[in-house]
mmCIF file of all heavy atoms, coordinates in Angstrom:
data_MODEL
# 
_entry.id   MODEL 
# 
loop_
_atom_site.group_PDB 
_atom_site.id 
_atom_site.type_symbol 
_atom_site.label_atom_id 
_atom_site.label_alt_id 
_atom_site.label_comp_id 
_atom_site.label_asym_id 
_atom_site.label_entity_id 
_atom_site.label_seq_id 
_atom_site.pdbx_PDB_ins_code 
_atom_site.Cartn_x 
_atom_site.Cartn_y 
_atom_site.Cartn_z 
_atom_site.occupancy 
_atom_site.B_iso_or_equiv 
_atom_site.pdbx_formal_charge 
_atom_site.auth_seq_id 
_atom_site.auth_comp_id 
_atom_site.auth_asym_id 
_atom_site.auth_atom_id 
_atom_site.pdbx_PDB_model_num 
ATOM 1   N N   . ASP A 1 1  ? 21.234  37.648 6.717  1.00 0.00 ? 1  ASP A N   1 
ATOM 2   C CA  . ASP A 1 1  ? 22.204  38.454 6.011  1.00 0.00 ? 1  ASP A CA  1 
ATOM 3   C C   . ASP A 1 1  ? 21.541  39.528 5.077  1.00 0.00 ? 1  ASP A C   1 
ATOM 4   O O   . ASP A 1 1  ? 22.192  40.184 4.296  1.00 0.00 ? 1  ASP A O   1 
ATOM 5   C CB  . ASP A 1 1  ? 23.209  37.603 5.256  1.00 0.00 ? 1  ASP A CB  1 
ATOM 6   C CG  . ASP A 1 1  ? 22.625  36.720 4.183  1.00 0.00 ? 1  ASP A CG  1 
ATOM 7   O OD1 . ASP A 1 1  ? 21.529  37.048 3.673  1.00 0.00 ? 1  ASP A OD1 1 
ATOM 8   O OD2 . ASP A 1 1  ? 23.241  35.687 3.881  1.00 0.00 ? 1  ASP A OD2 1 
ATOM 9   N N   . GLY A 1 2  ? 20.182  39.601 5.196  1.00 0.00 ? 2  GLY A N   1 
ATOM 10  C CA  . GLY A 1 2  ? 19.503  40.684 4.462  1.00 0.00 ? 2  GLY A CA  1 
ATOM 11  C C   . GLY A 1 2  ? 19.112  40.362 3.030  1.00 0.00 ? 2  GLY A C   1 
ATOM 12  O O   . GLY A 1 2  ? 18.557  41.237 2.347  1.00 0.00 ? 2  GLY A O   1 
ATOM 13  N N   . ARG A 1 3  ? 19.338  39.142 2.583  1.00 0.00 ? 3  ARG A N   1 
ATOM 14  C CA  . ARG A 1 3  ? 18.933  38.810 1.205  1.00 0.00 ? 3  ARG A CA  1 
ATOM 15  C C   . ARG A 1 3  ? 17.468  38.490 1.093  1.00 0.00 ? 3  ARG A C   1 
ATOM 16  O O   . ARG A 1 3  ? 16.920  38.475 -0.027 1.00 0.00 ? 3  ARG A O   1 
ATOM 17  C CB  . ARG A 1 3  ? 19.739  37.605 0.707  1.00 0.00 ? 3  ARG A CB  1 
ATOM 18  C CG  . ARG A 1 3  ? 21.203  37.894 0.433  1.00 0.00 ? 3  ARG A CG  1 
ATOM 19  C CD  . ARG A 1 3  ? 21.910  36.637 -0.015 1.00 0.00 ? 3  ARG A CD  1 
ATOM 20  N NE  . ARG A 1 3  ? 22.133  35.694 1.087  1.00 0.00 ? 3  ARG A NE  1 
ATOM 21  C CZ  . ARG A 1 3  ? 22.423  34.396 0.942  1.00 0.00 ? 3  ARG A CZ  1 
ATOM 22  N NH1 . ARG A 1 3  ? 22.455  33.895 -0.294 1.00 0.00 ? 3  ARG A NH1 1 
ATOM 23  N NH2 . ARG A 1 3  ? 22.618  33.629 1.978  1.00 0.00 ? 3  ARG A NH2 1 
ATOM 24  N N   . LEU A 1 4  ? 16.801  38.223 2.223  1.00 0.00 ? 4  LEU A N   1 
ATOM 25  C CA  . LEU A 1 4  ? 15.383  37.852 2.190  1.00 0.00 ? 4  LEU A CA  1 
ATOM 26  C C   . LEU A 1 4  ? 14.641  38.611 3.283  1.00 0.00 ? 4  LEU A C   1 
ATOM 27  O O   . LEU A 1 4  ? 15.103  38.640 4.429  1.00 0.00 ? 4  LEU A O   1 
ATOM 28  C CB  . LEU A 1 4  ? 15.266  36.331 2.430  1.00 0.00 ? 4  LEU A CB  1 
ATOM 29  C CG  . LEU A 1 4  ? 13.917  35.659 2.199  1.00 0.00 ? 4  LEU A CG  1 
ATOM 30  C CD1 . LEU A 1 4  ? 13.504  35.805 0.736  1.00 0.00 ? 4  LEU A CD1 1 
ATOM 31  C CD2 . LEU A 1 4  ? 14.020  34.190 2.589  1.00 0.00 ? 4  LEU A CD2 1 
ATOM 32  N N   . ARG A 1 5  ? 13.554  39.267 2.893  1.00 0.00 ? 5  ARG A N   1 
ATOM 33  C CA  . ARG A 1 5  ? 12.700  39.980 3.891  1.00 0.00 ? 5  ARG A CA  1 
ATOM 34  C C   . ARG A 1 5  ? 11.421  39.232 4.077  1.00 0.00 ? 5  ARG A C   1 
ATOM 35  O O   . ARG A 1 5  ? 10.790  38.698 3.170  1.00 0.00 ? 5  ARG A O   1 
ATOM 36  C CB  . ARG A 1 5  ? 12.398  41.400 3.418  1.00 0.00 ? 5  ARG A CB  1 
ATOM 37  C CG  . ARG A 1 5  ? 13.589  42.288 3.362  1.00 0.00 ? 5  ARG A CG  1 
ATOM 38  C CD  . ARG A 1 5  ? 13.167  43.769 3.148  1.00 0.00 ? 5  ARG A CD  1 
ATOM 39  N NE  . ARG A 1 5  ? 12.541  43.952 1.865  1.00 0.00 ? 5  ARG A NE  1 
ATOM 40  C CZ  . ARG A 1 5  ? 11.292  44.371 1.650  1.00 0.00 ? 5  ARG A CZ  1 
ATOM 41  N NH1 . ARG A 1 5  ? 10.501  44.614 2.680  1.00 0.00 ? 5  ARG A NH1 1 
ATOM 42  N NH2 . ARG A 1 5  ? 10.852  44.559 0.392  1.00 0.00 ? 5  ARG A NH2 1 
ATOM 43  N N   . THR A 1 6  ? 10.969  39.180 5.355  1.00 0.00 ? 6  THR A N   1 
ATOM 44  C CA  . THR A 1 6  ? 9.701   38.547 5.652  1.00 0.00 ? 6  THR A CA  1 
ATOM 45  C C   . THR A 1 6  ? 8.575   39.475 5.201  1.00 0.00 ? 6  THR A C   1 
ATOM 46  O O   . THR A 1 6  ? 8.764   40.678 5.027  1.00 0.00 ? 6  THR A O   1 
ATOM 47  C CB  . THR A 1 6  ? 9.557   38.249 7.153  1.00 0.00 ? 6  THR A CB  1 
ATOM 48  O OG1 . THR A 1 6  ? 9.782   39.453 7.891  1.00 0.00 ? 6  THR A OG1 1 
ATOM 49  C CG2 . THR A 1 6  ? 10.601  37.224 7.556  1.00 0.00 ? 6  THR A CG2 1 
ATOM 50  N N   . ASN A 1 7  ? 7.371   38.884 5.063  1.00 0.00 ? 7  ASN A N   1 
ATOM 51  C CA  . ASN A 1 7  ? 6.206   39.647 4.709  1.00 0.00 ? 7  ASN A CA  1 
ATOM 52  C C   . ASN A 1 7  ? 5.110   39.325 5.696  1.00 0.00 ? 7  ASN A C   1 
ATOM 53  O O   . ASN A 1 7  ? 4.282   38.491 5.494  1.00 0.00 ? 7  ASN A O   1 
ATOM 54  C CB  . ASN A 1 7  ? 5.774   39.254 3.289  1.00 0.00 ? 7  ASN A CB  1 
ATOM 55  C CG  . ASN A 1 7  ? 4.638   40.107 2.736  1.00 0.00 ? 7  ASN A CG  1 
ATOM 56  O OD1 . ASN A 1 7  ? 4.160   41.007 3.441  1.00 0.00 ? 7  ASN A OD1 1 
ATOM 57  N ND2 . ASN A 1 7  ? 4.187   39.811 1.548  1.00 0.00 ? 7  ASN A ND2 1 
ATOM 58  N N   . ILE A 1 8  ? 5.168   40.057 6.838  1.00 0.00 ? 8  ILE A N   1 
ATOM 59  C CA  . ILE A 1 8  ? 4.214   39.835 7.893  1.00 0.00 ? 8  ILE A CA  1 
ATOM 60  C C   . ILE A 1 8  ? 3.106   40.845 7.818  1.00 0.00 ? 8  ILE A C   1 
ATOM 61  O O   . ILE A 1 8  ? 3.324   42.075 7.810  1.00 0.00 ? 8  ILE A O   1 
ATOM 62  C CB  . ILE A 1 8  ? 4.944   39.935 9.276  1.00 0.00 ? 8  ILE A CB  1 
ATOM 63  C CG1 . ILE A 1 8  ? 6.008   38.839 9.356  1.00 0.00 ? 8  ILE A CG1 1 
ATOM 64  C CG2 . ILE A 1 8  ? 3.920   39.790 10.424 1.00 0.00 ? 8  ILE A CG2 1 
ATOM 65  C CD1 . ILE A 1 8  ? 6.851   38.941 10.608 1.00 0.00 ? 8  ILE A CD1 1 
ATOM 66  N N   . GLY A 1 9  ? 1.862   40.364 7.715  1.00 0.00 ? 9  GLY A N   1 
ATOM 67  C CA  . GLY A 1 9  ? 0.755   41.275 7.513  1.00 0.00 ? 9  GLY A CA  1 
ATOM 68  C C   . GLY A 1 9  ? 0.012   41.658 8.807  1.00 0.00 ? 9  GLY A C   1 
ATOM 69  O O   . GLY A 1 9  ? -0.489  42.748 8.927  1.00 0.00 ? 9  GLY A O   1 
ATOM 70  N N   . ASN A 1 10 ? -0.042  40.730 9.740  1.00 0.00 ? 10 ASN A N   1 
ATOM 71  C CA  . ASN A 1 10 ? -0.799  40.937 10.985 1.00 0.00 ? 10 ASN A CA  1 
ATOM 72  C C   . ASN A 1 10 ? -0.214  40.136 12.120 1.00 0.00 ? 10 ASN A C   1 
ATOM 73  O O   . ASN A 1 10 ? 0.028   38.933 11.926 1.00 0.00 ? 10 ASN A O   1 
ATOM 74  C CB  . ASN A 1 10 ? -2.259  40.522 10.741 1.00 0.00 ? 10 ASN A CB  1 
ATOM 75  C CG  . ASN A 1 10 ? -3.172  40.866 11.921 1.00 0.00 ? 10 ASN A CG  1 
ATOM 76  O OD1 . ASN A 1 10 ? -2.969  41.861 12.598 1.00 0.00 ? 10 ASN A OD1 1 
ATOM 77  N ND2 . ASN A 1 10 ? -4.121  40.007 12.187 1.00 0.00 ? 10 ASN A ND2 1 
ATOM 78  N N   . VAL A 1 11 ? 0.052   40.786 13.226 1.00 0.00 ? 11 VAL A N   1 
ATOM 79  C CA  . VAL A 1 11 ? 0.554   40.116 14.421 1.00 0.00 ? 11 VAL A CA  1 
ATOM 80  C C   . VAL A 1 11 ? -0.432  40.318 15.541 1.00 0.00 ? 11 VAL A C   1 
ATOM 81  O O   . VAL A 1 11 ? -0.845  41.461 15.828 1.00 0.00 ? 11 VAL A O   1 
ATOM 82  C CB  . VAL A 1 11 ? 1.937   40.654 14.840 1.00 0.00 ? 11 VAL A CB  1 
ATOM 83  C CG1 . VAL A 1 11 ? 2.441   39.968 16.063 1.00 0.00 ? 11 VAL A CG1 1 
ATOM 84  C CG2 . VAL A 1 11 ? 2.972   40.511 13.688 1.00 0.00 ? 11 VAL A CG2 1 
ATOM 85  N N   . THR A 1 12 ? -0.785  39.204 16.203 1.00 0.00 ? 12 THR A N   1 
ATOM 86  C CA  . THR A 1 12 ? -1.742  39.258 17.300 1.00 0.00 ? 12 THR A CA  1 
ATOM 87  C C   . THR A 1 12 ? -1.299  38.378 18.397 1.00 0.00 ? 12 THR A C   1 
ATOM 88  O O   . THR A 1 12 ? -0.318  37.643 18.290 1.00 0.00 ? 12 THR A O   1 
ATOM 89  C CB  . THR A 1 12 ? -3.159  38.903 16.791 1.00 0.00 ? 12 THR A CB  1 
ATOM 90  O OG1 . THR A 1 12 ? -4.117  39.110 17.844 1.00 0.00 ? 12 THR A OG1 1 
ATOM 91  C CG2 . THR A 1 12 ? -3.216  37.446 16.346 1.00 0.00 ? 12 THR A CG2 1 
ATOM 92  N N   . THR A 1 13 ? -2.011  38.329 19.536 1.00 0.00 ? 13 THR A N   1 
ATOM 93  C CA  . THR A 1 13 ? -1.696  37.467 20.640 1.00 0.00 ? 13 THR A CA  1 
ATOM 94  C C   . THR A 1 13 ? -2.646  36.260 20.624 1.00 0.00 ? 13 THR A C   1 
ATOM 95  O O   . THR A 1 13 ? -3.665  36.273 19.897 1.00 0.00 ? 13 THR A O   1 
ATOM 96  C CB  . THR A 1 13 ? -1.872  38.201 21.974 1.00 0.00 ? 13 THR A CB  1 
ATOM 97  O OG1 . THR A 1 13 ? -3.278  38.572 22.135 1.00 0.00 ? 13 THR A OG1 1 
ATOM 98  C CG2 . THR A 1 13 ? -1.022  39.491 22.011 1.00 0.00 ? 13 THR A CG2 1 
ATOM 99  N N   . LEU A 1 14 ? -2.302  35.273 21.421 1.00 0.00 ? 14 LEU A N   1 
ATOM 100 C CA  . LEU A 1 14 ? -3.201  34.105 21.502 1.00 0.00 ? 14 LEU A CA  1 
ATOM 101 C C   . LEU A 1 14 ? -4.560  34.490 21.986 1.00 0.00 ? 14 LEU A C   1 
ATOM 102 O O   . LEU A 1 14 ? -5.582  33.945 21.504 1.00 0.00 ? 14 LEU A O   1 
ATOM 103 C CB  . LEU A 1 14 ? -2.568  33.054 22.400 1.00 0.00 ? 14 LEU A CB  1 
ATOM 104 C CG  . LEU A 1 14 ? -3.239  31.657 22.368 1.00 0.00 ? 14 LEU A CG  1 
ATOM 105 C CD1 . LEU A 1 14 ? -3.189  31.067 20.997 1.00 0.00 ? 14 LEU A CD1 1 
ATOM 106 C CD2 . LEU A 1 14 ? -2.583  30.699 23.385 1.00 0.00 ? 14 LEU A CD2 1 
ATOM 107 N N   . ASP A 1 15 ? -4.648  35.420 22.934 1.00 0.00 ? 15 ASP A N   1 
ATOM 108 C CA  . ASP A 1 15 ? -5.946  35.900 23.422 1.00 0.00 ? 15 ASP A CA  1 
ATOM 109 C C   . ASP A 1 15 ? -6.825  36.486 22.322 1.00 0.00 ? 15 ASP A C   1 
ATOM 110 O O   . ASP A 1 15 ? -8.027  36.377 22.330 1.00 0.00 ? 15 ASP A O   1 
ATOM 111 C CB  . ASP A 1 15 ? -5.747  36.923 24.513 1.00 0.00 ? 15 ASP A CB  1 
ATOM 112 C CG  . ASP A 1 15 ? -5.267  36.309 25.818 1.00 0.00 ? 15 ASP A CG  1 
ATOM 113 O OD1 . ASP A 1 15 ? -5.627  35.132 26.103 1.00 0.00 ? 15 ASP A OD1 1 
ATOM 114 O OD2 . ASP A 1 15 ? -4.520  36.960 26.583 1.00 0.00 ? 15 ASP A OD2 1 
ATOM 115 N N   . ASP A 1 16 ? -6.180  37.160 21.383 1.00 0.00 ? 16 ASP A N   1 
ATOM 116 C CA  . ASP A 1 16 ? -6.858  37.814 20.281 1.00 0.00 ? 16 ASP A CA  1 
ATOM 117 C C   . ASP A 1 16 ? -6.763  37.073 18.954 1.00 0.00 ? 16 ASP A C   1 
ATOM 118 O O   . ASP A 1 16 ? -7.100  37.611 17.924 1.00 0.00 ? 16 ASP A O   1 
ATOM 119 C CB  . ASP A 1 16 ? -6.363  39.238 20.108 1.00 0.00 ? 16 ASP A CB  1 
ATOM 120 C CG  . ASP A 1 16 ? -6.561  40.119 21.333 1.00 0.00 ? 16 ASP A CG  1 
ATOM 121 O OD1 . ASP A 1 16 ? -7.659  39.959 21.964 1.00 0.00 ? 16 ASP A OD1 1 
ATOM 122 O OD2 . ASP A 1 16 ? -5.671  40.933 21.663 1.00 0.00 ? 16 ASP A OD2 1 
ATOM 123 N N   . ALA A 1 17 ? -6.291  35.827 19.010 1.00 0.00 ? 17 ALA A N   1 
ATOM 124 C CA  . ALA A 1 17 ? -6.022  35.096 17.792 1.00 0.00 ? 17 ALA A CA  1 
ATOM 125 C C   . ALA A 1 17 ? -7.246  34.812 16.939 1.00 0.00 ? 17 ALA A C   1 
ATOM 126 O O   . ALA A 1 17 ? -7.144  34.841 15.697 1.00 0.00 ? 17 ALA A O   1 
ATOM 127 C CB  . ALA A 1 17 ? -5.312  33.771 18.131 1.00 0.00 ? 17 ALA A CB  1 
ATOM 128 N N   . ILE A 1 18 ? -8.351  34.586 17.551 1.00 0.00 ? 18 ILE A N   1 
ATOM 129 C CA  . ILE A 1 18 ? -9.559  34.247 16.765 1.00 0.00 ? 18 ILE A CA  1 
ATOM 130 C C   . ILE A 1 18 ? -9.923  35.413 15.830 1.00 0.00 ? 18 ILE A C   1 
ATOM 131 O O   . ILE A 1 18 ? -10.161 35.214 14.706 1.00 0.00 ? 18 ILE A O   1 
ATOM 132 C CB  . ILE A 1 18 ? -10.722 33.872 17.691 1.00 0.00 ? 18 ILE A CB  1 
ATOM 133 C CG1 . ILE A 1 18 ? -10.376 32.568 18.441 1.00 0.00 ? 18 ILE A CG1 1 
ATOM 134 C CG2 . ILE A 1 18 ? -12.013 33.717 16.898 1.00 0.00 ? 18 ILE A CG2 1 
ATOM 135 C CD1 . ILE A 1 18 ? -11.368 32.172 19.525 1.00 0.00 ? 18 ILE A CD1 1 
ATOM 136 N N   . ALA A 1 19 ? -9.922  36.612 16.408 1.00 0.00 ? 19 ALA A N   1 
ATOM 137 C CA  . ALA A 1 19 ? -10.194 37.795 15.577 1.00 0.00 ? 19 ALA A CA  1 
ATOM 138 C C   . ALA A 1 19 ? -9.089  38.020 14.547 1.00 0.00 ? 19 ALA A C   1 
ATOM 139 O O   . ALA A 1 19 ? -9.341  38.372 13.416 1.00 0.00 ? 19 ALA A O   1 
ATOM 140 C CB  . ALA A 1 19 ? -10.344 39.029 16.435 1.00 0.00 ? 19 ALA A CB  1 
ATOM 141 N N   . GLY A 1 20 ? -7.849  37.725 14.950 1.00 0.00 ? 20 GLY A N   1 
ATOM 142 C CA  . GLY A 1 20 ? -6.698  37.951 14.041 1.00 0.00 ? 20 GLY A CA  1 
ATOM 143 C C   . GLY A 1 20 ? -6.706  36.987 12.901 1.00 0.00 ? 20 GLY A C   1 
ATOM 144 O O   . GLY A 1 20 ? -6.156  37.263 11.844 1.00 0.00 ? 20 GLY A O   1 
ATOM 145 N N   . CYS A 1 21 ? -7.286  35.776 13.088 1.00 0.00 ? 21 CYS A N   1 
ATOM 146 C CA  . CYS A 1 21 ? -7.291  34.766 12.041 1.00 0.00 ? 21 CYS A CA  1 
ATOM 147 C C   . CYS A 1 21 ? -8.468  34.979 11.069 1.00 0.00 ? 21 CYS A C   1 
ATOM 148 O O   . CYS A 1 21 ? -8.556  34.269 10.069 1.00 0.00 ? 21 CYS A O   1 
ATOM 149 C CB  . CYS A 1 21 ? -7.396  33.385 12.644 1.00 0.00 ? 21 CYS A CB  1 
ATOM 150 S SG  . CYS A 1 21 ? -5.872  32.869 13.507 1.00 0.00 ? 21 CYS A SG  1 
ATOM 151 N N   . LYS A 1 22 ? -9.394  35.901 11.377 1.00 0.00 ? 22 LYS A N   1 
ATOM 152 C CA  . LYS A 1 22 ? -10.435 36.242 10.436 1.00 0.00 ? 22 LYS A CA  1 
ATOM 153 C C   . LYS A 1 22 ? -10.598 37.757 10.351 1.00 0.00 ? 22 LYS A C   1 
ATOM 154 O O   . LYS A 1 22 ? -11.593 38.314 10.784 1.00 0.00 ? 22 LYS A O   1 
ATOM 155 C CB  . LYS A 1 22 ? -11.773 35.566 10.874 1.00 0.00 ? 22 LYS A CB  1 
ATOM 156 C CG  . LYS A 1 22 ? -12.137 35.744 12.341 1.00 0.00 ? 22 LYS A CG  1 
ATOM 157 C CD  . LYS A 1 22 ? -13.436 35.067 12.669 1.00 0.00 ? 22 LYS A CD  1 
ATOM 158 C CE  . LYS A 1 22 ? -13.805 35.250 14.114 1.00 0.00 ? 22 LYS A CE  1 
ATOM 159 N NZ  . LYS A 1 22 ? -15.035 34.592 14.508 1.00 0.00 ? 22 LYS A NZ  1 
ATOM 160 N N   . PRO A 1 23 ? -9.525  38.433 9.846  1.00 0.00 ? 23 PRO A N   1 
ATOM 161 C CA  . PRO A 1 23 ? -9.521  39.891 9.840  1.00 0.00 ? 23 PRO A CA  1 
ATOM 162 C C   . PRO A 1 23 ? -10.681 40.463 9.004  1.00 0.00 ? 23 PRO A C   1 
ATOM 163 O O   . PRO A 1 23 ? -11.112 39.826 8.053  1.00 0.00 ? 23 PRO A O   1 
ATOM 164 C CB  . PRO A 1 23 ? -8.173  40.204 9.211  1.00 0.00 ? 23 PRO A CB  1 
ATOM 165 C CG  . PRO A 1 23 ? -7.843  38.984 8.404  1.00 0.00 ? 23 PRO A CG  1 
ATOM 166 C CD  . PRO A 1 23 ? -8.379  37.825 9.144  1.00 0.00 ? 23 PRO A CD  1 
ATOM 167 N N   . ALA A 1 24 ? -11.094 41.638 9.375  1.00 0.00 ? 24 ALA A N   1 
ATOM 168 C CA  . ALA A 1 24 ? -12.185 42.303 8.674  1.00 0.00 ? 24 ALA A CA  1 
ATOM 169 C C   . ALA A 1 24 ? -11.826 42.824 7.315  1.00 0.00 ? 24 ALA A C   1 
ATOM 170 O O   . ALA A 1 24 ? -12.643 42.996 6.446  1.00 0.00 ? 24 ALA A O   1 
ATOM 171 C CB  . ALA A 1 24 ? -12.710 43.480 9.525  1.00 0.00 ? 24 ALA A CB  1 
ATOM 172 N N   . LYS A 1 25 ? -10.481 43.024 7.084  1.00 0.00 ? 25 LYS A N   1 
ATOM 173 C CA  . LYS A 1 25 ? -10.039 43.511 5.803  1.00 0.00 ? 25 LYS A CA  1 
ATOM 174 C C   . LYS A 1 25 ? -8.965  42.574 5.237  1.00 0.00 ? 25 LYS A C   1 
ATOM 175 O O   . LYS A 1 25 ? -8.323  41.848 5.958  1.00 0.00 ? 25 LYS A O   1 
ATOM 176 C CB  . LYS A 1 25 ? -9.530  44.947 5.906  1.00 0.00 ? 25 LYS A CB  1 
ATOM 177 C CG  . LYS A 1 25 ? -8.295  45.097 6.776  1.00 0.00 ? 25 LYS A CG  1 
ATOM 178 C CD  . LYS A 1 25 ? -7.857  46.558 6.804  1.00 0.00 ? 25 LYS A CD  1 
ATOM 179 C CE  . LYS A 1 25 ? -6.590  46.732 7.647  1.00 0.00 ? 25 LYS A CE  1 
ATOM 180 N NZ  . LYS A 1 25 ? -6.130  48.130 7.664  1.00 0.00 ? 25 LYS A NZ  1 
ATOM 181 N N   . ARG A 1 26 ? -8.740  42.684 3.943  1.00 0.00 ? 26 ARG A N   1 
ATOM 182 C CA  . ARG A 1 26 ? -7.750  41.825 3.276  1.00 0.00 ? 26 ARG A CA  1 
ATOM 183 C C   . ARG A 1 26 ? -6.349  42.229 3.760  1.00 0.00 ? 26 ARG A C   1 
ATOM 184 O O   . ARG A 1 26 ? -5.976  43.368 3.757  1.00 0.00 ? 26 ARG A O   1 
ATOM 185 C CB  . ARG A 1 26 ? -7.880  42.015 1.729  1.00 0.00 ? 26 ARG A CB  1 
ATOM 186 C CG  . ARG A 1 26 ? -6.795  41.328 0.921  1.00 0.00 ? 26 ARG A CG  1 
ATOM 187 C CD  . ARG A 1 26 ? -7.025  41.602 -0.542 1.00 0.00 ? 26 ARG A CD  1 
ATOM 188 N NE  . ARG A 1 26 ? -5.939  41.048 -1.380 1.00 0.00 ? 26 ARG A NE  1 
ATOM 189 C CZ  . ARG A 1 26 ? -4.921  41.828 -1.812 1.00 0.00 ? 26 ARG A CZ  1 
ATOM 190 N NH1 . ARG A 1 26 ? -4.857  43.086 -1.494 1.00 0.00 ? 26 ARG A NH1 1 
ATOM 191 N NH2 . ARG A 1 26 ? -3.974  41.236 -2.577 1.00 0.00 ? 26 ARG A NH2 1 
ATOM 192 N N   . ILE A 1 27 ? -5.554  41.211 4.100  1.00 0.00 ? 27 ILE A N   1 
ATOM 193 C CA  . ILE A 1 27 ? -4.172  41.425 4.539  1.00 0.00 ? 27 ILE A CA  1 
ATOM 194 C C   . ILE A 1 27 ? -3.284  40.578 3.582  1.00 0.00 ? 27 ILE A C   1 
ATOM 195 O O   . ILE A 1 27 ? -3.484  39.364 3.425  1.00 0.00 ? 27 ILE A O   1 
ATOM 196 C CB  . ILE A 1 27 ? -3.976  41.003 5.985  1.00 0.00 ? 27 ILE A CB  1 
ATOM 197 C CG1 . ILE A 1 27 ? -4.821  41.883 6.903  1.00 0.00 ? 27 ILE A CG1 1 
ATOM 198 C CG2 . ILE A 1 27 ? -2.499  41.038 6.382  1.00 0.00 ? 27 ILE A CG2 1 
ATOM 199 C CD1 . ILE A 1 27 ? -4.816  41.477 8.312  1.00 0.00 ? 27 ILE A CD1 1 
# 
């Protein structure tokens, strides 16, 4: 209902998850 917004910083695939779980910059 719009009272709460998610805060998603980085979305990746399972194939690229390892790199996505240790990003080069602060997220």
